[in-house]
Amino acid sequence: MPIRRTTAFVSILLPTIAMTLRAQELPFLTDTQIGYLAGEISGDASYEHIRFMTQFHRPRGGSPGLMKVAEYCEAKAREYELEEVKLIRQKSETVPWHAKSASLWMV
């Protein structure tokens, strides 16, 4: 009886493993392209992008640095040789909030 269970288990397990291995293939990219991508993907580069962008973040948006972030993204897209890169500037109906200074009075 234990041999039958083992045989049944193995006969179910092997096709499952074969299907799983087949699912790991990337049919859209060649091995050369995958190698290029692996060489370009970098956690350090991602960290630097986030570091640049977050210095201009403001909770209510519309900060003076928001356009700097858009220009940075445009420049990086051109640097990465993306086609048809265009920064679209649009007028806003609202006045952005620009806090240049503040003071706290305790009474």
N, C-alpha and C. Protein backbone atom coordinates (compact mmCIF):
# COMPACT_ATOMS: atom_id res chain seq x y z
N MET A 1 0.80 -1.21 0.00
CA MET A 1 0.00 0.00 0.00
C MET A 1 0.85 1.27 0.00
N PRO A 2 1.93 1.38 0.81
CA PRO A 2 2.73 2.61 0.80
C PRO A 2 3.38 2.85 -0.56
N ILE A 3 3.71 1.80 -1.31
CA ILE A 3 4.34 1.99 -2.62
C ILE A 3 3.35 2.63 -3.58
N ARG A 4 2.09 2.22 -3.50
CA ARG A 4 1.07 2.81 -4.37
C ARG A 4 0.89 4.30 -4.07
N ARG A 5 0.91 4.65 -2.79
CA ARG A 5 0.77 6.06 -2.42
C ARG A 5 1.96 6.86 -2.93
N THR A 6 3.14 6.30 -2.79
CA THR A 6 4.35 6.98 -3.26
C THR A 6 4.30 7.14 -4.77
N THR A 7 3.89 6.10 -5.46
CA THR A 7 3.80 6.16 -6.91
C THR A 7 2.77 7.19 -7.34
N ALA A 8 1.64 7.20 -6.68
CA ALA A 8 0.60 8.18 -7.01
C ALA A 8 1.10 9.60 -6.73
N PHE A 9 1.78 9.78 -5.61
CA PHE A 9 2.30 11.11 -5.26
C PHE A 9 3.31 11.58 -6.29
N VAL A 10 4.22 10.70 -6.67
CA VAL A 10 5.26 11.06 -7.66
C VAL A 10 4.63 11.32 -9.02
N SER A 11 3.64 10.53 -9.39
CA SER A 11 3.00 10.73 -10.70
C SER A 11 2.23 12.06 -10.76
N ILE A 12 1.78 12.55 -9.63
CA ILE A 12 1.12 13.86 -9.59
C ILE A 12 2.15 14.98 -9.48
N LEU A 13 3.20 14.74 -8.74
CA LEU A 13 4.20 15.76 -8.47
C LEU A 13 5.03 16.10 -9.71
N LEU A 14 5.45 15.11 -10.47
CA LEU A 14 6.32 15.36 -11.62
C LEU A 14 5.68 16.27 -12.68
N PRO A 15 4.44 16.03 -13.10
CA PRO A 15 3.85 16.97 -14.08
C PRO A 15 3.69 18.38 -13.51
N THR A 16 3.40 18.46 -12.22
CA THR A 16 3.26 19.78 -11.60
C THR A 16 4.57 20.53 -11.62
N ILE A 17 5.65 19.86 -11.32
CA ILE A 17 6.97 20.49 -11.36
C ILE A 17 7.32 20.91 -12.78
N ALA A 18 7.01 20.05 -13.74
CA ALA A 18 7.30 20.36 -15.14
C ALA A 18 6.53 21.61 -15.59
N MET A 19 5.26 21.73 -15.19
CA MET A 19 4.47 22.91 -15.56
C MET A 19 5.02 24.16 -14.90
N THR A 20 5.48 24.04 -13.67
CA THR A 20 6.04 25.18 -12.96
C THR A 20 7.32 25.66 -13.63
N LEU A 21 8.17 24.75 -14.01
CA LEU A 21 9.41 25.14 -14.68
C LEU A 21 9.13 25.81 -16.01
N ARG A 22 8.14 25.35 -16.70
CA ARG A 22 7.79 25.92 -17.98
C ARG A 22 7.27 27.35 -17.81
N ALA A 23 6.61 27.62 -16.72
CA ALA A 23 6.05 28.94 -16.48
C ALA A 23 7.14 29.98 -16.19
N GLN A 24 8.34 29.57 -15.89
CA GLN A 24 9.41 30.49 -15.56
C GLN A 24 10.11 31.07 -16.79
N GLU A 25 9.79 30.59 -17.96
CA GLU A 25 10.43 31.09 -19.17
C GLU A 25 9.86 32.45 -19.56
N LEU A 26 10.69 33.31 -20.15
CA LEU A 26 10.26 34.62 -20.63
C LEU A 26 10.27 34.59 -22.16
N PRO A 27 9.12 34.32 -22.78
CA PRO A 27 9.10 34.18 -24.23
C PRO A 27 9.27 35.50 -24.98
N PHE A 28 9.12 36.63 -24.30
CA PHE A 28 9.17 37.92 -24.99
C PHE A 28 10.58 38.47 -25.13
N LEU A 29 11.52 37.99 -24.33
CA LEU A 29 12.87 38.52 -24.34
C LEU A 29 13.88 37.41 -24.63
N THR A 30 14.92 37.78 -25.35
CA THR A 30 15.99 36.81 -25.57
C THR A 30 16.92 36.82 -24.36
N ASP A 31 17.78 35.85 -24.28
CA ASP A 31 18.75 35.80 -23.17
C ASP A 31 19.66 37.02 -23.18
N THR A 32 20.01 37.51 -24.36
CA THR A 32 20.85 38.70 -24.47
C THR A 32 20.14 39.92 -23.90
N GLN A 33 18.86 40.08 -24.23
CA GLN A 33 18.08 41.21 -23.72
C GLN A 33 17.93 41.12 -22.20
N ILE A 34 17.70 39.94 -21.70
CA ILE A 34 17.60 39.76 -20.24
C ILE A 34 18.91 40.14 -19.57
N GLY A 35 20.03 39.79 -20.21
CA GLY A 35 21.34 40.18 -19.67
C GLY A 35 21.53 41.68 -19.63
N TYR A 36 21.08 42.36 -20.71
CA TYR A 36 21.16 43.83 -20.72
C TYR A 36 20.32 44.44 -19.60
N LEU A 37 19.10 43.94 -19.43
CA LEU A 37 18.24 44.46 -18.38
C LEU A 37 18.83 44.23 -17.00
N ALA A 38 19.38 43.07 -16.79
CA ALA A 38 19.98 42.76 -15.48
C ALA A 38 21.14 43.70 -15.19
N GLY A 39 21.86 44.11 -16.22
CA GLY A 39 22.96 45.03 -16.03
C GLY A 39 22.51 46.47 -15.78
N GLU A 40 21.30 46.81 -16.21
CA GLU A 40 20.81 48.18 -16.07
C GLU A 40 19.96 48.40 -14.82
N ILE A 41 19.34 47.36 -14.33
CA ILE A 41 18.46 47.51 -13.17
C ILE A 41 19.31 47.65 -11.92
N SER A 42 19.10 48.73 -11.21
CA SER A 42 19.93 49.01 -10.05
C SER A 42 19.09 49.60 -8.93
N GLY A 43 19.20 49.04 -7.75
CA GLY A 43 18.54 49.62 -6.58
C GLY A 43 19.11 50.97 -6.23
N ASP A 44 20.41 51.15 -6.47
CA ASP A 44 21.04 52.44 -6.17
C ASP A 44 20.49 53.54 -7.06
N ALA A 45 20.30 53.24 -8.34
CA ALA A 45 19.76 54.25 -9.26
C ALA A 45 18.33 54.60 -8.86
N SER A 46 17.54 53.60 -8.50
CA SER A 46 16.16 53.86 -8.06
C SER A 46 16.15 54.72 -6.82
N TYR A 47 17.03 54.43 -5.90
CA TYR A 47 17.12 55.20 -4.67
C TYR A 47 17.47 56.66 -4.96
N GLU A 48 18.38 56.90 -5.90
CA GLU A 48 18.76 58.26 -6.25
C GLU A 48 17.59 59.02 -6.90
N HIS A 49 16.81 58.33 -7.74
CA HIS A 49 15.63 58.98 -8.34
C HIS A 49 14.65 59.40 -7.25
N ILE A 50 14.37 58.50 -6.32
CA ILE A 50 13.42 58.80 -5.25
C ILE A 50 13.97 59.92 -4.36
N ARG A 51 15.25 59.87 -4.09
CA ARG A 51 15.87 60.92 -3.27
C ARG A 51 15.71 62.30 -3.91
N PHE A 52 15.89 62.37 -5.21
CA PHE A 52 15.73 63.65 -5.90
C PHE A 52 14.28 64.11 -5.85
N MET A 53 13.36 63.20 -6.16
CA MET A 53 11.96 63.58 -6.26
C MET A 53 11.33 63.95 -4.92
N THR A 54 11.69 63.27 -3.87
CA THR A 54 11.04 63.52 -2.58
C THR A 54 11.48 64.83 -1.92
N GLN A 55 12.56 65.40 -2.37
CA GLN A 55 12.94 66.68 -1.76
C GLN A 55 12.00 67.81 -2.16
N PHE A 56 11.18 67.60 -3.19
CA PHE A 56 10.24 68.62 -3.63
C PHE A 56 8.80 68.30 -3.23
N HIS A 57 8.58 67.19 -2.54
CA HIS A 57 7.22 66.78 -2.18
C HIS A 57 6.63 67.71 -1.12
N ARG A 58 5.40 68.08 -1.33
CA ARG A 58 4.65 68.84 -0.34
C ARG A 58 3.27 68.21 -0.21
N PRO A 59 2.73 68.16 0.99
CA PRO A 59 1.44 67.48 1.20
C PRO A 59 0.30 67.99 0.33
N ARG A 60 0.23 69.28 0.08
CA ARG A 60 -0.87 69.83 -0.70
C ARG A 60 -0.52 70.00 -2.18
N GLY A 61 0.66 69.61 -2.57
CA GLY A 61 1.06 69.69 -3.98
C GLY A 61 1.29 71.11 -4.45
N GLY A 62 1.67 71.25 -5.70
CA GLY A 62 1.85 72.57 -6.28
C GLY A 62 3.07 73.31 -5.78
N SER A 63 4.04 72.62 -5.25
CA SER A 63 5.23 73.28 -4.74
C SER A 63 6.09 73.77 -5.90
N PRO A 64 6.98 74.73 -5.64
CA PRO A 64 7.84 75.24 -6.72
C PRO A 64 8.70 74.15 -7.37
N GLY A 65 9.00 73.11 -6.64
CA GLY A 65 9.85 72.06 -7.18
C GLY A 65 9.13 71.02 -8.01
N LEU A 66 7.81 71.11 -8.08
CA LEU A 66 7.05 70.12 -8.84
C LEU A 66 7.46 70.11 -10.31
N MET A 67 7.69 71.28 -10.88
CA MET A 67 8.12 71.35 -12.28
C MET A 67 9.55 70.82 -12.42
N LYS A 68 10.37 71.00 -11.39
CA LYS A 68 11.73 70.44 -11.43
C LYS A 68 11.69 68.92 -11.52
N VAL A 69 10.75 68.30 -10.80
CA VAL A 69 10.60 66.85 -10.85
C VAL A 69 10.15 66.42 -12.24
N ALA A 70 9.21 67.14 -12.83
CA ALA A 70 8.74 66.82 -14.18
C ALA A 70 9.88 66.95 -15.19
N GLU A 71 10.67 68.01 -15.07
CA GLU A 71 11.82 68.21 -15.97
C GLU A 71 12.87 67.13 -15.76
N TYR A 72 13.06 66.71 -14.52
CA TYR A 72 14.00 65.63 -14.22
C TYR A 72 13.56 64.34 -14.90
N CYS A 73 12.27 64.03 -14.80
CA CYS A 73 11.75 62.81 -15.44
C CYS A 73 11.90 62.88 -16.96
N GLU A 74 11.65 64.06 -17.51
CA GLU A 74 11.82 64.24 -18.96
C GLU A 74 13.28 64.03 -19.36
N ALA A 75 14.20 64.62 -18.60
CA ALA A 75 15.63 64.49 -18.91
C ALA A 75 16.09 63.03 -18.81
N LYS A 76 15.62 62.33 -17.78
CA LYS A 76 16.01 60.92 -17.62
C LYS A 76 15.44 60.07 -18.75
N ALA A 77 14.21 60.36 -19.17
CA ALA A 77 13.62 59.60 -20.28
C ALA A 77 14.43 59.80 -21.55
N ARG A 78 14.88 61.03 -21.78
CA ARG A 78 15.73 61.30 -22.96
C ARG A 78 17.09 60.61 -22.81
N GLU A 79 17.63 60.63 -21.60
CA GLU A 79 18.91 59.98 -21.33
C GLU A 79 18.83 58.48 -21.60
N TYR A 80 17.67 57.89 -21.29
CA TYR A 80 17.47 56.45 -21.52
C TYR A 80 17.02 56.16 -22.95
N GLU A 81 17.05 57.20 -23.79
CA GLU A 81 16.76 57.09 -25.22
C GLU A 81 15.34 56.62 -25.53
N LEU A 82 14.38 57.07 -24.73
CA LEU A 82 12.99 56.80 -25.05
C LEU A 82 12.56 57.72 -26.18
N GLU A 83 11.65 57.25 -26.98
CA GLU A 83 11.22 58.02 -28.15
C GLU A 83 10.03 58.91 -27.80
N GLU A 84 9.93 60.03 -28.51
CA GLU A 84 8.81 60.95 -28.40
C GLU A 84 8.56 61.43 -26.96
N VAL A 85 9.60 61.84 -26.29
CA VAL A 85 9.47 62.37 -24.94
C VAL A 85 9.05 63.82 -25.03
N LYS A 86 8.01 64.19 -24.30
CA LYS A 86 7.51 65.56 -24.35
C LYS A 86 6.94 65.93 -22.98
N LEU A 87 7.35 67.05 -22.47
CA LEU A 87 6.81 67.57 -21.22
C LEU A 87 5.67 68.52 -21.57
N ILE A 88 4.49 68.22 -21.10
CA ILE A 88 3.31 69.03 -21.41
C ILE A 88 3.05 69.96 -20.23
N ARG A 89 3.17 71.24 -20.47
CA ARG A 89 2.91 72.25 -19.44
C ARG A 89 1.46 72.72 -19.57
N GLN A 90 0.76 72.68 -18.44
CA GLN A 90 -0.64 73.10 -18.44
C GLN A 90 -0.86 74.17 -17.39
N LYS A 91 -1.72 75.09 -17.70
CA LYS A 91 -2.05 76.14 -16.74
C LYS A 91 -2.98 75.56 -15.69
N SER A 92 -2.83 76.06 -14.49
CA SER A 92 -3.66 75.60 -13.38
C SER A 92 -4.68 76.67 -13.02
N GLU A 93 -5.85 76.23 -12.62
CA GLU A 93 -6.91 77.15 -12.20
C GLU A 93 -6.67 77.64 -10.78
N THR A 94 -5.88 76.91 -10.01
CA THR A 94 -5.68 77.25 -8.61
C THR A 94 -4.32 77.89 -8.39
N VAL A 95 -4.19 78.58 -7.29
CA VAL A 95 -2.92 79.20 -6.93
C VAL A 95 -2.18 78.24 -6.00
N PRO A 96 -0.95 77.86 -6.35
CA PRO A 96 -0.22 76.92 -5.48
C PRO A 96 0.18 77.57 -4.16
N TRP A 97 0.36 76.74 -3.19
CA TRP A 97 0.73 77.20 -1.86
C TRP A 97 2.25 77.17 -1.75
N HIS A 98 2.87 78.33 -1.56
CA HIS A 98 4.32 78.43 -1.45
C HIS A 98 4.69 79.00 -0.08
N ALA A 99 5.03 78.17 0.84
CA ALA A 99 5.43 78.66 2.17
C ALA A 99 6.92 78.99 2.13
N LYS A 100 7.24 80.26 2.22
CA LYS A 100 8.64 80.70 2.21
C LYS A 100 9.19 80.83 3.63
N SER A 101 8.31 81.20 4.56
CA SER A 101 8.75 81.35 5.95
C SER A 101 7.54 81.16 6.87
N ALA A 102 7.82 80.97 8.14
CA ALA A 102 6.75 80.79 9.12
C ALA A 102 7.26 81.21 10.49
N SER A 103 6.33 81.49 11.35
CA SER A 103 6.70 81.80 12.74
C SER A 103 5.64 81.23 13.66
N LEU A 104 6.05 80.89 14.85
CA LEU A 104 5.15 80.32 15.84
C LEU A 104 5.13 81.24 17.05
N TRP A 105 3.95 81.69 17.40
CA TRP A 105 3.79 82.57 18.56
C TRP A 105 3.09 81.78 19.65
N MET A 106 3.72 81.68 20.79
CA MET A 106 3.09 81.01 21.92
C MET A 106 2.63 82.08 22.90
N VAL A 107 1.36 82.08 23.18
CA VAL A 107 0.79 83.11 24.07
C VAL A 107 0.46 82.49 25.41
